[in-house]
Each structure stands twice: as structure tokens, then as C-alpha cells.
């Protein structure tokens, strides 16, 4: 028989299937509705650092965010989706140009409640695959018992970086500093929520009431690996349009492709409830549970095999 790579990773793919089943079970028990939205859309969210893949005049989704939020606007209060998403030029030990994303939204919640949901989900999956309250990843134990610690971005810079958050922002090296000096220290031995991002890194999250220099955004790190990105969602159409324009301008300055404005999404925001949302990388979660640092080990086919 031929020497198939897929034969060597069959146990990891079986584990992946169990994790996906556990995720579905968790959300069904929590009264979330599983939805499916189109992979191919006329206008992606115009993010400065994320490039969409063209598809016959439209685009493959970089995430299901826009359509799922339109469902929130239409009166769906608790929804989740496990789907493929696509991003140009993303390939590495933790990145794929086509990857599996879990995204969920809950009306009448903020990023604080979303942290609790995120922890509960991953602890549920850990137990469902027979790992109890801990796993071992690359010979390092990880304790999943409640509660998981939280650290603000400002505190993380003060603790781990060679320059302050303020200096990193003024020198335009926030992303480099957090990637190389901060992230490797996060979530070591126990998952950690990094929260309260500076306003300039708010993405599409709400700013904090009374503290407009901070955004209601968090990312979860486990053993130095970013697992998810979550927000209290913008509900004001004018604010969201302004954010999109800022991202479009940043793309112009960088010489990147200009995307159409997602007008139907913006029009729907008049009916957007207060809500939080979370985008979690399923491939990375499976990497952790199957004890591998290489994303190729948890997917049936690498792009290079097609």
C-alpha cells in the first residue's frame, strides 16, 4: 500500500471528529442554533491585515461574521457555526489559507460573559474526549480547572515586553512586540484571557463605557498559542461604517486590494441587539488536544497535497 500521510494521522483525525461532536453538543445543550451561511459573499469585512480570496467577482469569506450578525439582527439570539474560512497568504505551522473556524454569537451579553462561555466550552470538550481537567502539550502540563486567569494588554506589556504599550503604539510596532515578546509567555500551564485592547487595536469591538481608550476585546492563549478572538460587538451603524472606512484607508496606504463596502450588513445594524461574538480556530484547538505543534497534523489534506 502507498505511504499515505493520512494513514499516519488517523488517530488525530478521529480525535478531531470527537472534538467537533463535543462542540456541537455543548452549544445544543446551551440552546444555540447551528446555522449555515454562504461561503462566497460580495463584500468581506474590509480589514487592513486580512486579505480575502477572490471568487468570480465575489470573495470567499474570511469569516462568517457579517452574515451571522445579520441573523442576530433578524432576531436569532444564540447562534453558532463551524465552517471553512479563507485568507490569502496564510501558511505556516499554525496557519492555513483554508481553515476551520468556530464562530458563535449571543445577544444581550458582553465580552465578559463571552469569556465565561469560552472557558466552559473548552473545559466541556476536554472532558468529552476523556482528558478531565488537564492535558499535556509538548511535555508541558496544562491545567484547565476553573477559573482561568485574565490579564490586560497593558499589564502584559509591563510584564513581558521590553517597551511599554504606549511606546509600542507610538512606534507602530504593537503587533511585532506582542507576537515576539508577549505571546510566548501567555497561557503557560493554564489558559489565559488577554483583554482590554487599546482603542487603536479594537478591530470591530465596542469601546469601554467611561474608558474610551480601551476596547471590549479579548483573545484566549493556551501555551503561547492564540486560540480565539472575541468582542462586545459594535451595534451602531455609523460607528461601524467609520471603522470600515478606517480599515479601507489603511488598505489603500498599504497598496492592498480595495473591497466593496458591505452595505446590506451596515443597513441591518439598525436592528442589532447588544451582543458578544467569538471566533475560535478549531484546527489550533485540535492541535493542542492532539499534542502537535504542526497544523498539518490535524487536517486530512494539506494545500500542497491537492
Foldseek 3Di string as FASTA:
>chain_A
DDDDPLVVLVVLQVLLVLLVVLLVVVLVVVVAAEDDDDQWAAFEQLAQPWAFDDDPNTTGYQDCPLVVLLVLLVPRAKYKYWDWHATPPFDDQPTARIAIKIKIKHFPDFLVVVLVVVLVSLQSSCVSSPNHQWDAAPNAIAGSDPDAEEDEPQRQCVVWFPDGPVVCVVVVNNPVRCLPTRLQPAQRNYKYKYFFDALVPQQFADADVVGNRTGRKIFIHHNSDTFKIKHFGDLQLVVSVVSSVVSQVSNVVVVHDHTDDPVVSSVSSVSRGGMMMMMGGSLVSSCRRVRHSGSVSNDSDGPVRD
